[in-house]
């Protein structure tokens, strides 16, 4: 059975990949075959997805207390 991957999760994971594995946007863009402007736009969206996932995780933790 195929695992479903949601776009928001992929973007959040992409942001973490950027934070943990790349020093510059130029290298990130080259690795993923993007130009730097597109990489910047993608990372802005990915950061927002990551921040939303963090907020949701915090919300769940509070609900369990």
Protein backbone atom coordinates (compact mmCIF):
# COMPACT_ATOMS: atom_id res chain seq x y z
CA UNK A 1 0.00 0.00 0.00
CA UNK A 2 1.30 3.44 -0.94
CA UNK A 3 2.02 5.93 1.80
CA UNK A 4 0.23 9.24 1.32
CA UNK A 5 2.51 12.26 1.58
CA UNK A 6 0.78 15.58 2.05
CA UNK A 7 2.23 18.68 0.42
CA UNK A 8 2.33 20.57 3.73
CA UNK A 9 4.42 17.79 5.28
CA UNK A 10 6.73 17.61 2.27
CA UNK A 11 7.28 21.37 2.45
CA UNK A 12 7.94 21.28 6.20
CA UNK A 13 10.45 18.47 5.68
CA UNK A 14 12.05 20.41 2.83
CA UNK A 15 12.52 23.38 5.15
CA UNK A 16 14.23 21.16 7.72
CA UNK A 17 16.43 19.75 4.96
CA UNK A 18 17.44 23.32 4.09
CA UNK A 19 18.17 24.24 7.72
CA UNK A 20 20.12 21.08 8.49
CA UNK A 21 22.00 20.39 5.27
CA UNK A 22 22.67 23.56 3.29
CA UNK A 23 24.73 26.66 4.01
CA UNK A 24 23.47 28.86 1.18
CA UNK A 25 20.38 29.26 -0.94
CA UNK A 26 22.60 29.00 -4.01
CA UNK A 27 23.71 25.48 -3.10
CA UNK A 28 20.15 24.48 -2.15
CA UNK A 29 18.89 25.82 -5.49
CA UNK A 30 21.59 24.00 -7.43
CA UNK A 31 20.90 20.72 -5.62
CA UNK A 32 17.17 20.88 -6.38
CA UNK A 33 17.59 22.28 -9.89
CA UNK A 34 16.03 25.67 -9.16
CA UNK A 35 17.10 29.23 -9.74
CA UNK A 36 17.80 31.21 -6.58
CA UNK A 37 14.64 33.33 -6.73
CA UNK A 38 12.44 30.23 -7.01
CA UNK A 39 14.37 28.58 -4.18
CA UNK A 40 13.79 31.63 -1.97
CA UNK A 41 10.06 31.58 -2.72
CA UNK A 42 9.87 27.85 -2.09
CA UNK A 43 11.73 28.17 1.21
CA UNK A 44 9.37 30.93 2.38
CA UNK A 45 6.43 28.64 1.77
CA UNK A 46 8.25 25.69 3.30
CA UNK A 47 9.10 27.72 6.41
CA UNK A 48 5.45 28.65 6.85
CA UNK A 49 4.46 24.96 6.59
CA UNK A 50 7.10 24.05 9.16
CA UNK A 51 5.93 26.77 11.56
CA UNK A 52 2.31 25.62 11.23
CA UNK A 53 3.36 22.05 12.00
CA UNK A 54 5.23 23.24 15.10
CA UNK A 55 2.20 25.23 16.28
CA UNK A 56 -0.05 22.22 15.76
CA UNK A 57 2.37 20.02 17.71
CA UNK A 58 2.34 22.51 20.58
CA UNK A 59 -1.44 22.57 20.50
CA UNK A 60 -1.58 18.76 20.71
CA UNK A 61 0.86 18.71 23.62
CA UNK A 62 -1.28 21.22 25.54
CA UNK A 63 -4.41 19.15 24.89
CA UNK A 64 -2.75 16.06 26.37
CA UNK A 65 -1.75 17.77 29.60
